[in-house]
């Protein structure tokens, strides 16, 4: 049981570390937020109908 618990704790630690790293990178570099496309993509204007 302790082996499974240790593997689970290791995986959880890796996931939490990755999320913290992502948060630090996006907090200090605003271009990453813009490059990831946080805002929705604007729709193209419709062509004029004749």
C-alpha atoms as a PDB file:
ATOM      1  CA  UNK A   1       0.000   0.000   0.000  1.00  0.00           C
ATOM      2  CA  UNK A   2       2.804   2.423   0.834  1.00  0.00           C
ATOM      3  CA  UNK A   3       4.332   1.911  -2.631  1.00  0.00           C
ATOM      4  CA  UNK A   4       1.076   2.966  -4.308  1.00  0.00           C
ATOM      5  CA  UNK A   5       0.727   5.907  -1.944  1.00  0.00           C
ATOM      6  CA  UNK A   6       4.284   7.000  -2.689  1.00  0.00           C
ATOM      7  CA  UNK A   7       3.699   6.814  -6.445  1.00  0.00           C
ATOM      8  CA  UNK A   8       0.488   8.786  -6.060  1.00  0.00           C
ATOM      9  CA  UNK A   9       2.223  11.445  -3.961  1.00  0.00           C
ATOM     10  CA  UNK A  10       5.027  11.734  -6.524  1.00  0.00           C
ATOM     11  CA  UNK A  11       2.571  12.140  -9.409  1.00  0.00           C
ATOM     12  CA  UNK A  12       0.581  14.703  -7.437  1.00  0.00           C
ATOM     13  CA  UNK A  13       3.751  16.644  -6.647  1.00  0.00           C
ATOM     14  CA  UNK A  14       4.765  16.703 -10.301  1.00  0.00           C
ATOM     15  CA  UNK A  15       1.326  17.953 -11.371  1.00  0.00           C
ATOM     16  CA  UNK A  16       1.247  20.678  -8.731  1.00  0.00           C
ATOM     17  CA  UNK A  17       4.763  21.779  -9.669  1.00  0.00           C
ATOM     18  CA  UNK A  18       3.817  21.988 -13.341  1.00  0.00           C
ATOM     19  CA  UNK A  19       0.751  24.087 -12.561  1.00  0.00           C
ATOM     20  CA  UNK A  20       2.800  26.444 -10.388  1.00  0.00           C
ATOM     21  CA  UNK A  21       5.407  26.819 -13.119  1.00  0.00           C
ATOM     22  CA  UNK A  22       2.694  27.639 -15.665  1.00  0.00           C
ATOM     23  CA  UNK A  23       1.227  30.226 -13.306  1.00  0.00           C
ATOM     24  CA  UNK A  24       4.611  31.870 -12.749  1.00  0.00           C
ATOM     25  CA  UNK A  25       5.364  32.013 -16.466  1.00  0.00           C
ATOM     26  CA  UNK A  26       1.996  33.503 -17.408  1.00  0.00           C
ATOM     27  CA  UNK A  27       2.077  35.995 -14.525  1.00  0.00           C
ATOM     28  CA  UNK A  28       5.458  37.448 -15.514  1.00  0.00           C
ATOM     29  CA  UNK A  29       5.115  37.347 -19.284  1.00  0.00           C
ATOM     30  CA  UNK A  30       1.947  38.867 -20.720  1.00  0.00           C
ATOM     31  CA  UNK A  31       2.888  37.892 -24.300  1.00  0.00           C
ATOM     32  CA  UNK A  32       2.347  34.230 -23.413  1.00  0.00           C
ATOM     33  CA  UNK A  33      -1.236  34.999 -22.439  1.00  0.00           C
ATOM     34  CA  UNK A  34      -1.828  36.797 -25.730  1.00  0.00           C
ATOM     35  CA  UNK A  35      -0.105  34.067 -27.755  1.00  0.00           C
ATOM     36  CA  UNK A  36      -2.277  31.400 -26.125  1.00  0.00           C
ATOM     37  CA  UNK A  37      -5.390  33.249 -27.285  1.00  0.00           C
ATOM     38  CA  UNK A  38      -7.271  33.882 -24.074  1.00  0.00           C
ATOM     39  CA  UNK A  39      -9.811  36.075 -25.837  1.00  0.00           C
ATOM     40  CA  UNK A  40     -12.123  34.566 -28.450  1.00  0.00           C
ATOM     41  CA  UNK A  41     -11.181  34.855 -32.098  1.00  0.00           C
ATOM     42  CA  UNK A  42     -13.125  37.681 -33.756  1.00  0.00           C
ATOM     43  CA  UNK A  43     -15.515  36.654 -36.491  1.00  0.00           C
ATOM     44  CA  UNK A  44     -14.763  37.688 -40.048  1.00  0.00           C
ATOM     45  CA  UNK A  45     -17.152  40.244 -41.513  1.00  0.00           C
ATOM     46  CA  UNK A  46     -19.724  38.813 -43.860  1.00  0.00           C
ATOM     47  CA  UNK A  47     -19.223  39.645 -47.522  1.00  0.00           C
ATOM     48  CA  UNK A  48     -21.809  42.054 -48.938  1.00  0.00           C
ATOM     49  CA  UNK A  49     -24.782  40.227 -50.372  1.00  0.00           C
ATOM     50  CA  UNK A  50     -25.854  41.270 -53.854  1.00  0.00           C
END
